[in-house]
Amino acid sequence: MPLSWFSWFKAAVFALLAGNAAVFVLAGTASEALDAAAWLVLLALFELETGFGERFGQRHVATVIRAVRLAAAIAIGTAAVGYVHDHEWLDAINAWLWIAVVVLLEFEVRRPRTVALHRTGFGTAAAALYTGLAAVIPVWAWRGEWFDAYDALLWLVAFATIEINVLRIARHEGPAANAASAKCG
């Protein structure tokens, strides 16, 4: 089956983010390098789980995914603390907002029934977090930090594609799929 335009779009966004991560690894601070690399890994895992979840339900594969996710989460937390330590407040705010977004996504993917019962609250929280993330983009631009502004915008686009995957799962697979995804998480 040929790939849809959406699949190509997601691949292009992922390639651009990989390029950004390379820039941060080669020319950024230690916190930026760790942050960019760990988020890229986490994004790939979310995409795999939300886009191809049924293929990753085997116990040994799920165990590896959990271990890699834990390592990425530790790296992200370390980078976020590093931003605070280095007094990079805009990066710190951005990092902690993203951590909150991932917590929300974890709930959406792993506890779909709970989210369905509290859809308004989860929707409001997501809107507030994404609004906060969008608000840092013009601040970076105003400060003349164009690459950071571009990178932040690209990450919003990337996570929006994951949200689309999560919504597709919830809409098209219904309660039976939600029960199956609860077993995997």
N, C-alpha and C. Protein backbone atom coordinates (compact mmCIF):
# COMPACT_ATOMS: atom_id res chain seq x y z
N MET A 1 0.84 -1.18 0.00
CA MET A 1 0.00 0.00 0.00
C MET A 1 0.89 1.24 0.00
N PRO A 2 0.63 2.20 -0.89
CA PRO A 2 1.45 3.42 -0.94
C PRO A 2 1.23 4.28 0.30
N LEU A 3 2.27 5.01 0.66
CA LEU A 3 2.17 5.89 1.81
C LEU A 3 1.30 7.10 1.48
N SER A 4 0.50 7.51 2.44
CA SER A 4 -0.36 8.68 2.26
C SER A 4 0.47 9.95 2.41
N TRP A 5 -0.13 11.06 2.02
CA TRP A 5 0.56 12.35 2.18
C TRP A 5 0.89 12.60 3.64
N PHE A 6 0.02 12.14 4.55
CA PHE A 6 0.25 12.35 5.98
C PHE A 6 1.48 11.59 6.45
N SER A 7 1.67 10.38 5.94
CA SER A 7 2.86 9.59 6.29
C SER A 7 4.12 10.28 5.79
N TRP A 8 4.06 10.82 4.58
CA TRP A 8 5.21 11.56 4.05
C TRP A 8 5.48 12.81 4.88
N PHE A 9 4.42 13.49 5.26
CA PHE A 9 4.54 14.69 6.08
C PHE A 9 5.22 14.37 7.40
N LYS A 10 4.76 13.30 8.07
CA LYS A 10 5.37 12.91 9.34
C LYS A 10 6.84 12.55 9.16
N ALA A 11 7.17 11.86 8.08
CA ALA A 11 8.57 11.51 7.81
C ALA A 11 9.42 12.76 7.60
N ALA A 12 8.88 13.73 6.90
CA ALA A 12 9.62 14.98 6.66
C ALA A 12 9.85 15.73 7.97
N VAL A 13 8.82 15.81 8.81
CA VAL A 13 8.97 16.49 10.10
C VAL A 13 10.01 15.78 10.95
N PHE A 14 9.95 14.46 10.97
CA PHE A 14 10.93 13.69 11.75
C PHE A 14 12.34 13.93 11.23
N ALA A 15 12.52 13.96 9.91
CA ALA A 15 13.85 14.22 9.32
C ALA A 15 14.35 15.61 9.69
N LEU A 16 13.47 16.60 9.66
CA LEU A 16 13.86 17.96 10.06
C LEU A 16 14.26 18.01 11.53
N LEU A 17 13.51 17.31 12.38
CA LEU A 17 13.86 17.28 13.80
C LEU A 17 15.18 16.56 14.04
N ALA A 18 15.44 15.51 13.27
CA ALA A 18 16.74 14.82 13.38
C ALA A 18 17.87 15.78 13.00
N GLY A 19 17.65 16.58 11.96
CA GLY A 19 18.64 17.58 11.58
C GLY A 19 18.85 18.61 12.68
N ASN A 20 17.76 19.06 13.29
CA ASN A 20 17.86 20.02 14.40
C ASN A 20 18.63 19.41 15.56
N ALA A 21 18.34 18.15 15.87
CA ALA A 21 19.05 17.48 16.97
C ALA A 21 20.54 17.44 16.67
N ALA A 22 20.90 17.17 15.43
CA ALA A 22 22.32 17.14 15.05
C ALA A 22 22.96 18.51 15.27
N VAL A 23 22.23 19.57 14.94
CA VAL A 23 22.76 20.92 15.16
C VAL A 23 23.00 21.16 16.65
N PHE A 24 22.02 20.78 17.48
CA PHE A 24 22.18 20.97 18.92
C PHE A 24 23.32 20.11 19.49
N VAL A 25 23.47 18.90 18.99
CA VAL A 25 24.56 18.04 19.45
C VAL A 25 25.92 18.63 19.06
N LEU A 26 26.00 19.15 17.85
CA LEU A 26 27.28 19.67 17.36
C LEU A 26 27.59 21.09 17.84
N ALA A 27 26.56 21.93 18.03
CA ALA A 27 26.82 23.34 18.31
C ALA A 27 26.11 23.89 19.54
N GLY A 28 25.34 23.08 20.22
CA GLY A 28 24.58 23.57 21.36
C GLY A 28 25.26 23.29 22.68
N THR A 29 24.58 23.65 23.75
CA THR A 29 25.07 23.35 25.09
C THR A 29 24.85 21.87 25.38
N ALA A 30 25.42 21.40 26.46
CA ALA A 30 25.22 20.00 26.85
C ALA A 30 23.74 19.72 27.10
N SER A 31 23.04 20.65 27.74
CA SER A 31 21.60 20.46 28.00
C SER A 31 20.81 20.40 26.71
N GLU A 32 21.16 21.28 25.75
CA GLU A 32 20.45 21.28 24.46
C GLU A 32 20.68 19.97 23.71
N ALA A 33 21.91 19.48 23.72
CA ALA A 33 22.22 18.24 23.02
C ALA A 33 21.47 17.06 23.63
N LEU A 34 21.52 16.96 24.95
CA LEU A 34 20.84 15.88 25.64
C LEU A 34 19.34 15.97 25.43
N ASP A 35 18.80 17.17 25.54
CA ASP A 35 17.38 17.42 25.36
C ASP A 35 16.92 17.01 23.96
N ALA A 36 17.62 17.50 22.95
CA ALA A 36 17.22 17.24 21.56
C ALA A 36 17.28 15.75 21.23
N ALA A 37 18.35 15.09 21.64
CA ALA A 37 18.50 13.66 21.33
C ALA A 37 17.45 12.83 22.06
N ALA A 38 17.22 13.13 23.33
CA ALA A 38 16.24 12.35 24.11
C ALA A 38 14.82 12.56 23.59
N TRP A 39 14.47 13.81 23.24
CA TRP A 39 13.14 14.06 22.71
C TRP A 39 12.93 13.36 21.37
N LEU A 40 13.97 13.31 20.57
CA LEU A 40 13.86 12.63 19.28
C LEU A 40 13.56 11.14 19.49
N VAL A 41 14.25 10.53 20.44
CA VAL A 41 14.00 9.12 20.77
C VAL A 41 12.57 8.95 21.28
N LEU A 42 12.14 9.83 22.18
CA LEU A 42 10.79 9.73 22.72
C LEU A 42 9.74 9.92 21.63
N LEU A 43 9.97 10.86 20.73
CA LEU A 43 9.05 11.07 19.61
C LEU A 43 8.94 9.80 18.76
N ALA A 44 10.07 9.20 18.47
CA ALA A 44 10.07 7.97 17.66
C ALA A 44 9.27 6.87 18.37
N LEU A 45 9.44 6.74 19.68
CA LEU A 45 8.70 5.73 20.43
C LEU A 45 7.20 6.01 20.42
N PHE A 46 6.81 7.27 20.63
CA PHE A 46 5.39 7.60 20.57
C PHE A 46 4.82 7.31 19.19
N GLU A 47 5.56 7.64 18.16
CA GLU A 47 5.09 7.39 16.80
C GLU A 47 4.93 5.88 16.56
N LEU A 48 5.90 5.11 17.00
CA LEU A 48 5.81 3.66 16.84
C LEU A 48 4.60 3.10 17.58
N GLU A 49 4.40 3.56 18.81
CA GLU A 49 3.30 3.03 19.60
C GLU A 49 1.93 3.50 19.12
N THR A 50 1.83 4.75 18.70
CA THR A 50 0.52 5.25 18.28
C THR A 50 0.22 4.93 16.82
N GLY A 51 1.26 4.77 16.01
CA GLY A 51 1.06 4.48 14.60
C GLY A 51 1.09 3.00 14.26
N PHE A 52 1.84 2.23 15.06
CA PHE A 52 2.01 0.81 14.76
C PHE A 52 1.89 -0.03 16.02
N GLY A 53 1.06 0.40 16.96
CA GLY A 53 0.96 -0.22 18.28
C GLY A 53 0.77 -1.72 18.28
N GLU A 54 -0.04 -2.23 17.36
CA GLU A 54 -0.32 -3.66 17.35
C GLU A 54 0.93 -4.50 17.08
N ARG A 55 1.91 -3.92 16.42
CA ARG A 55 3.15 -4.65 16.10
C ARG A 55 4.12 -4.67 17.27
N PHE A 56 3.87 -3.83 18.29
CA PHE A 56 4.81 -3.72 19.40
C PHE A 56 4.22 -4.23 20.71
N GLY A 57 3.20 -5.07 20.62
CA GLY A 57 2.55 -5.60 21.80
C GLY A 57 3.24 -6.81 22.40
N GLN A 58 4.19 -7.40 21.67
CA GLN A 58 4.88 -8.57 22.20
C GLN A 58 5.67 -8.18 23.44
N ARG A 59 5.69 -9.06 24.40
CA ARG A 59 6.28 -8.76 25.70
C ARG A 59 7.73 -8.30 25.61
N HIS A 60 8.58 -8.99 24.87
CA HIS A 60 10.00 -8.62 24.82
C HIS A 60 10.20 -7.27 24.13
N VAL A 61 9.42 -6.98 23.11
CA VAL A 61 9.53 -5.69 22.42
C VAL A 61 9.02 -4.58 23.34
N ALA A 62 7.91 -4.82 24.02
CA ALA A 62 7.35 -3.81 24.94
C ALA A 62 8.33 -3.53 26.07
N THR A 63 9.04 -4.54 26.54
CA THR A 63 10.03 -4.33 27.61
C THR A 63 11.18 -3.44 27.14
N VAL A 64 11.66 -3.68 25.94
CA VAL A 64 12.73 -2.85 25.38
C VAL A 64 12.25 -1.41 25.21
N ILE A 65 11.04 -1.24 24.70
CA ILE A 65 10.48 0.10 24.51
C ILE A 65 10.38 0.82 25.84
N ARG A 66 9.92 0.13 26.88
CA ARG A 66 9.82 0.76 28.20
C ARG A 66 11.19 1.17 28.73
N ALA A 67 12.19 0.34 28.53
CA ALA A 67 13.55 0.66 29.01
C ALA A 67 14.11 1.87 28.27
N VAL A 68 13.91 1.92 26.97
CA VAL A 68 14.40 3.06 26.19
C VAL A 68 13.63 4.32 26.58
N ARG A 69 12.32 4.20 26.79
CA ARG A 69 11.51 5.34 27.20
C ARG A 69 11.98 5.87 28.55
N LEU A 70 12.30 4.98 29.47
CA LEU A 70 12.78 5.39 30.79
C LEU A 70 14.11 6.14 30.67
N ALA A 71 15.02 5.61 29.85
CA ALA A 71 16.31 6.29 29.65
C ALA A 71 16.11 7.67 29.03
N ALA A 72 15.21 7.78 28.05
CA ALA A 72 14.94 9.08 27.43
C ALA A 72 14.31 10.04 28.44
N ALA A 73 13.40 9.53 29.26
CA ALA A 73 12.76 10.39 30.27
C ALA A 73 13.78 10.91 31.28
N ILE A 74 14.70 10.06 31.69
CA ILE A 74 15.76 10.50 32.61
C ILE A 74 16.62 11.57 31.95
N ALA A 75 16.96 11.37 30.69
CA ALA A 75 17.77 12.36 29.96
C ALA A 75 17.03 13.68 29.82
N ILE A 76 15.74 13.63 29.54
CA ILE A 76 14.93 14.85 29.40
C ILE A 76 14.85 15.59 30.72
N GLY A 77 14.61 14.85 31.80
CA GLY A 77 14.58 15.47 33.13
C GLY A 77 15.92 16.10 33.49
N THR A 78 16.99 15.40 33.16
CA THR A 78 18.34 15.93 33.43
C THR A 78 18.58 17.22 32.65
N ALA A 79 18.18 17.23 31.39
CA ALA A 79 18.33 18.44 30.57
C ALA A 79 17.49 19.59 31.13
N ALA A 80 16.27 19.30 31.55
CA ALA A 80 15.39 20.33 32.11
C ALA A 80 16.00 20.94 33.37
N VAL A 81 16.56 20.10 34.23
CA VAL A 81 17.24 20.59 35.42
C VAL A 81 18.49 21.39 35.01
N GLY A 82 19.17 20.94 33.98
CA GLY A 82 20.34 21.66 33.48
C GLY A 82 20.00 23.06 33.00
N TYR A 83 18.84 23.21 32.35
CA TYR A 83 18.41 24.54 31.92
C TYR A 83 18.21 25.46 33.12
N VAL A 84 17.59 24.94 34.16
CA VAL A 84 17.39 25.74 35.37
C VAL A 84 18.74 26.10 35.97
N HIS A 85 19.62 25.13 36.09
CA HIS A 85 20.96 25.36 36.64
C HIS A 85 21.72 26.43 35.86
N ASP A 86 21.57 26.41 34.53
CA ASP A 86 22.28 27.36 33.67
C ASP A 86 21.53 28.70 33.51
N HIS A 87 20.41 28.84 34.22
CA HIS A 87 19.59 30.05 34.15
C HIS A 87 19.06 30.32 32.74
N GLU A 88 18.81 29.27 31.99
CA GLU A 88 18.20 29.36 30.67
C GLU A 88 16.69 29.21 30.86
N TRP A 89 16.06 30.29 31.34
CA TRP A 89 14.68 30.20 31.80
C TRP A 89 13.68 29.87 30.71
N LEU A 90 13.84 30.41 29.53
CA LEU A 90 12.91 30.11 28.46
C LEU A 90 13.01 28.63 28.05
N ASP A 91 14.24 28.12 27.97
CA ASP A 91 14.43 26.69 27.69
C ASP A 91 13.85 25.84 28.81
N ALA A 92 14.02 26.28 30.05
CA ALA A 92 13.48 25.53 31.19
C ALA A 92 11.96 25.48 31.15
N ILE A 93 11.33 26.64 30.91
CA ILE A 93 9.87 26.68 30.83
C ILE A 93 9.38 25.77 29.71
N ASN A 94 10.02 25.87 28.56
CA ASN A 94 9.66 25.03 27.41
C ASN A 94 9.79 23.54 27.76
N ALA A 95 10.92 23.19 28.40
CA ALA A 95 11.16 21.79 28.75
C ALA A 95 10.10 21.26 29.71
N TRP A 96 9.78 22.02 30.75
CA TRP A 96 8.80 21.54 31.72
C TRP A 96 7.39 21.48 31.14
N LEU A 97 7.06 22.40 30.23
CA LEU A 97 5.77 22.31 29.55
C LEU A 97 5.70 21.04 28.71
N TRP A 98 6.78 20.72 28.01
CA TRP A 98 6.80 19.50 27.20
C TRP A 98 6.69 18.25 28.07
N ILE A 99 7.33 18.27 29.21
CA ILE A 99 7.22 17.12 30.12
C ILE A 99 5.76 16.93 30.52
N ALA A 100 5.06 18.01 30.81
CA ALA A 100 3.64 17.92 31.16
C ALA A 100 2.81 17.39 29.98
N VAL A 101 3.15 17.81 28.76
CA VAL A 101 2.44 17.30 27.58
C VAL A 101 2.62 15.79 27.46
N VAL A 102 3.83 15.32 27.69
CA VAL A 102 4.08 13.88 27.57
C VAL A 102 3.33 13.10 28.65
N VAL A 103 3.23 13.65 29.83
CA VAL A 103 2.44 13.00 30.88
C VAL A 103 0.99 12.87 30.41
N LEU A 104 0.47 13.93 29.82
CA LEU A 104 -0.90 13.89 29.29
C LEU A 104 -1.03 12.85 28.17
N LEU A 105 -0.07 12.83 27.25
CA LEU A 105 -0.10 11.84 26.17
C LEU A 105 -0.03 10.42 26.70
N GLU A 106 0.79 10.21 27.71
CA GLU A 106 0.87 8.87 28.32
C GLU A 106 -0.50 8.43 28.82
N PHE A 107 -1.22 9.35 29.48
CA PHE A 107 -2.57 9.03 29.93
C PHE A 107 -3.47 8.70 28.74
N GLU A 108 -3.40 9.50 27.69
CA GLU A 108 -4.26 9.28 26.53
C GLU A 108 -4.00 7.92 25.89
N VAL A 109 -2.73 7.52 25.81
CA VAL A 109 -2.38 6.27 25.17
C VAL A 109 -2.63 5.08 26.10
N ARG A 110 -2.33 5.21 27.38
CA ARG A 110 -2.37 4.07 28.29
C ARG A 110 -3.67 3.94 29.09
N ARG A 111 -4.39 5.01 29.25
CA ARG A 111 -5.63 4.98 30.03
C ARG A 111 -6.77 5.66 29.26
N PRO A 112 -7.09 5.15 28.08
CA PRO A 112 -8.09 5.82 27.25
C PRO A 112 -9.48 5.90 27.90
N ARG A 113 -9.82 4.92 28.71
CA ARG A 113 -11.15 4.98 29.37
C ARG A 113 -11.20 6.12 30.39
N THR A 114 -10.15 6.28 31.16
CA THR A 114 -10.10 7.39 32.12
C THR A 114 -10.18 8.72 31.41
N VAL A 115 -9.43 8.84 30.32
CA VAL A 115 -9.43 10.08 29.54
C VAL A 115 -10.82 10.34 28.97
N ALA A 116 -11.48 9.29 28.48
CA ALA A 116 -12.83 9.45 27.92
C ALA A 116 -13.82 9.95 28.98
N LEU A 117 -13.65 9.50 30.21
CA LEU A 117 -14.53 9.94 31.28
C LEU A 117 -14.30 11.40 31.67
N HIS A 118 -13.09 11.88 31.43
CA HIS A 118 -12.72 13.24 31.81
C HIS A 118 -12.20 14.03 30.61
N ARG A 119 -12.85 13.83 29.48
CA ARG A 119 -12.41 14.42 28.20
C ARG A 119 -12.26 15.95 28.29
N THR A 120 -13.20 16.63 28.92
CA THR A 120 -13.14 18.09 29.00
C THR A 120 -11.91 18.54 29.78
N GLY A 121 -11.65 17.92 30.90
CA GLY A 121 -10.49 18.29 31.71
C GLY A 121 -9.18 18.03 30.99
N PHE A 122 -9.08 16.88 30.33
CA PHE A 122 -7.87 16.57 29.58
C PHE A 122 -7.71 17.51 28.39
N GLY A 123 -8.81 17.82 27.74
CA GLY A 123 -8.77 18.75 26.61
C GLY A 123 -8.34 20.15 27.04
N THR A 124 -8.87 20.59 28.16
CA THR A 124 -8.50 21.91 28.68
C THR A 124 -7.03 21.96 29.07
N ALA A 125 -6.57 20.91 29.74
CA ALA A 125 -5.15 20.86 30.14
C ALA A 125 -4.25 20.84 28.91
N ALA A 126 -4.61 20.05 27.91
CA ALA A 126 -3.80 19.99 26.68
C ALA A 126 -3.78 21.35 25.99
N ALA A 127 -4.93 22.00 25.90
CA ALA A 127 -4.99 23.31 25.26
C ALA A 127 -4.12 24.33 26.00
N ALA A 128 -4.15 24.31 27.32
CA ALA A 128 -3.33 25.23 28.10
C ALA A 128 -1.84 24.96 27.90
N LEU A 129 -1.46 23.69 27.89
CA LEU A 129 -0.04 23.35 27.70
C LEU A 129 0.44 23.73 26.30
N TYR A 130 -0.34 23.40 25.29
CA TYR A 130 0.06 23.73 23.92
C TYR A 130 0.07 25.24 23.70
N THR A 131 -0.84 25.96 24.36
CA THR A 131 -0.84 27.42 24.27
C THR A 131 0.45 27.98 24.88
N GLY A 132 0.84 27.43 26.03
CA GLY A 132 2.10 27.85 26.65
C GLY A 132 3.29 27.57 25.75
N LEU A 133 3.30 26.41 25.12
CA LEU A 133 4.40 26.07 24.21
C LEU A 133 4.41 26.99 22.98
N ALA A 134 3.23 27.31 22.48
CA ALA A 134 3.17 28.21 21.34
C ALA A 134 3.61 29.62 21.73
N ALA A 135 3.38 30.00 22.98
CA ALA A 135 3.74 31.35 23.43
C ALA A 135 5.25 31.56 23.49
N VAL A 136 6.02 30.50 23.69
CA VAL A 136 7.48 30.70 23.76
C VAL A 136 8.08 30.94 22.37
N ILE A 137 7.40 30.54 21.33
CA ILE A 137 7.93 30.71 19.96
C ILE A 137 8.16 32.19 19.63
N PRO A 138 7.16 33.05 19.78
CA PRO A 138 7.43 34.47 19.47
C PRO A 138 8.43 35.11 20.44
N VAL A 139 8.52 34.60 21.65
CA VAL A 139 9.51 35.14 22.59
C VAL A 139 10.92 34.84 22.07
N TRP A 140 11.16 33.60 21.61
CA TRP A 140 12.46 33.28 21.03
C TRP A 140 12.73 34.14 19.80
N ALA A 141 11.72 34.30 18.97
CA ALA A 141 11.89 35.12 17.77
C ALA A 141 12.20 36.57 18.15
N TRP A 142 11.49 37.13 19.12
CA TRP A 142 11.72 38.48 19.58
C TRP A 142 13.15 38.65 20.11
N ARG A 143 13.67 37.60 20.76
CA ARG A 143 15.04 37.64 21.28
C ARG A 143 16.08 37.40 20.19
N GLY A 144 15.63 37.15 18.97
CA GLY A 144 16.55 36.90 17.86
C GLY A 144 17.09 35.49 17.82
N GLU A 145 16.47 34.59 18.56
CA GLU A 145 16.89 33.18 18.60
C GLU A 145 16.01 32.39 17.62
N TRP A 146 16.26 32.65 16.33
CA TRP A 146 15.41 32.13 15.26
C TRP A 146 15.42 30.62 15.18
N PHE A 147 16.58 30.00 15.38
CA PHE A 147 16.64 28.54 15.29
C PHE A 147 15.82 27.91 16.41
N ASP A 148 15.88 28.47 17.61
CA ASP A 148 15.07 27.95 18.72
C ASP A 148 13.59 28.12 18.43
N ALA A 149 13.21 29.26 17.84
CA ALA A 149 11.80 29.48 17.50
C ALA A 149 11.33 28.47 16.45
N TYR A 150 12.15 28.28 15.43
CA TYR A 150 11.82 27.30 14.38
C TYR A 150 11.73 25.89 14.97
N ASP A 151 12.69 25.52 15.80
CA ASP A 151 12.70 24.19 16.42
C ASP A 151 11.45 23.98 17.28
N ALA A 152 11.07 24.99 18.06
CA ALA A 152 9.88 24.88 18.90
C ALA A 152 8.62 24.70 18.06
N LEU A 153 8.52 25.44 16.96
CA LEU A 153 7.37 25.29 16.07
C LEU A 153 7.33 23.89 15.46
N LEU A 154 8.47 23.40 15.06
CA LEU A 154 8.55 22.07 14.47
C LEU A 154 8.12 21.00 15.47
N TRP A 155 8.51 21.15 16.74
CA TRP A 155 8.10 20.18 17.76
C TRP A 155 6.59 20.23 17.99
N LEU A 156 6.00 21.41 17.93
CA LEU A 156 4.54 21.48 18.06
C LEU A 156 3.86 20.72 16.93
N VAL A 157 4.37 20.88 15.73
CA VAL A 157 3.83 20.16 14.58
C VAL A 157 4.00 18.65 14.77
N ALA A 158 5.17 18.23 15.25
CA ALA A 158 5.43 16.80 15.45
C ALA A 158 4.47 16.19 16.46
N PHE A 159 4.27 16.86 17.58
CA PHE A 159 3.38 16.30 18.59
C PHE A 159 1.92 16.40 18.16
N ALA A 160 1.58 17.35 17.33
CA ALA A 160 0.21 17.40 16.78
C ALA A 160 -0.05 16.16 15.94
N THR A 161 0.96 15.68 15.21
CA THR A 161 0.77 14.46 14.42
C THR A 161 0.55 13.25 15.32
N ILE A 162 1.21 13.23 16.47
CA ILE A 162 0.99 12.13 17.41
C ILE A 162 -0.42 12.21 17.98
N GLU A 163 -0.86 13.42 18.30
CA GLU A 163 -2.24 13.59 18.79
C GLU A 163 -3.24 13.08 17.75
N ILE A 164 -2.96 13.31 16.48
CA ILE A 164 -3.84 12.81 15.41
C ILE A 164 -3.86 11.29 15.44
N ASN A 165 -2.70 10.66 15.63
CA ASN A 165 -2.66 9.20 15.75
C ASN A 165 -3.49 8.72 16.93
N VAL A 166 -3.36 9.39 18.08
CA VAL A 166 -4.10 9.00 19.27
C VAL A 166 -5.60 9.15 19.03
N LEU A 167 -6.01 10.25 18.40
CA LEU A 167 -7.43 10.45 18.10
C LEU A 167 -7.96 9.41 17.12
N ARG A 168 -7.14 9.04 16.13
CA ARG A 168 -7.56 8.00 15.18
C ARG A 168 -7.77 6.67 15.89
N ILE A 169 -6.87 6.34 16.79
CA ILE A 169 -7.00 5.09 17.55
C ILE A 169 -8.30 5.12 18.35
N ALA A 170 -8.55 6.22 19.04
CA ALA A 170 -9.74 6.33 19.88
C ALA A 170 -11.02 6.26 19.05
N ARG A 171 -11.03 6.89 17.87
CA ARG A 171 -12.24 6.94 17.05
C ARG A 171 -12.51 5.65 16.30
N HIS A 172 -11.48 5.09 15.70
CA HIS A 172 -11.68 3.97 14.77
C HIS A 172 -11.65 2.60 15.41
N GLU A 173 -11.04 2.50 16.56
CA GLU A 173 -10.92 1.17 17.13
C GLU A 173 -11.87 0.92 18.28
N GLY A 174 -12.40 1.95 18.87
CA GLY A 174 -13.43 1.82 19.88
C GLY A 174 -12.98 1.12 21.14
N PRO A 175 -13.95 0.65 21.95
CA PRO A 175 -13.68 0.08 23.25
C PRO A 175 -12.81 -1.19 23.21
N ALA A 176 -12.95 -2.01 22.18
CA ALA A 176 -12.15 -3.24 22.12
C ALA A 176 -10.67 -2.90 22.00
N ALA A 177 -10.35 -1.92 21.17
CA ALA A 177 -8.95 -1.51 21.00
C ALA A 177 -8.44 -0.85 22.28
N ASN A 178 -9.30 -0.08 22.94
CA ASN A 178 -8.88 0.55 24.18
C ASN A 178 -8.52 -0.50 25.23
N ALA A 179 -9.29 -1.58 25.28
CA ALA A 179 -8.99 -2.65 26.21
C ALA A 179 -7.66 -3.31 25.85
N ALA A 180 -7.44 -3.51 24.55
CA ALA A 180 -6.17 -4.12 24.11
C ALA A 180 -5.00 -3.21 24.41
N SER A 181 -5.15 -1.89 24.20
CA SER A 181 -4.04 -0.98 24.47
C SER A 181 -3.77 -0.89 25.96
N ALA A 182 -4.80 -1.08 26.78
CA ALA A 182 -4.59 -1.04 28.23
C ALA A 182 -3.71 -2.22 28.66
N LYS A 183 -3.85 -3.37 27.97
CA LYS A 183 -3.01 -4.53 28.28
C LYS A 183 -1.57 -4.28 27.96
N CYS A 184 -1.31 -3.54 26.85
CA CYS A 184 0.06 -3.29 26.43
C CYS A 184 0.76 -2.30 27.34
N GLY A 185 0.02 -1.39 27.98
CA GLY A 185 0.63 -0.34 28.80
C GLY A 185 0.77 -0.74 30.18
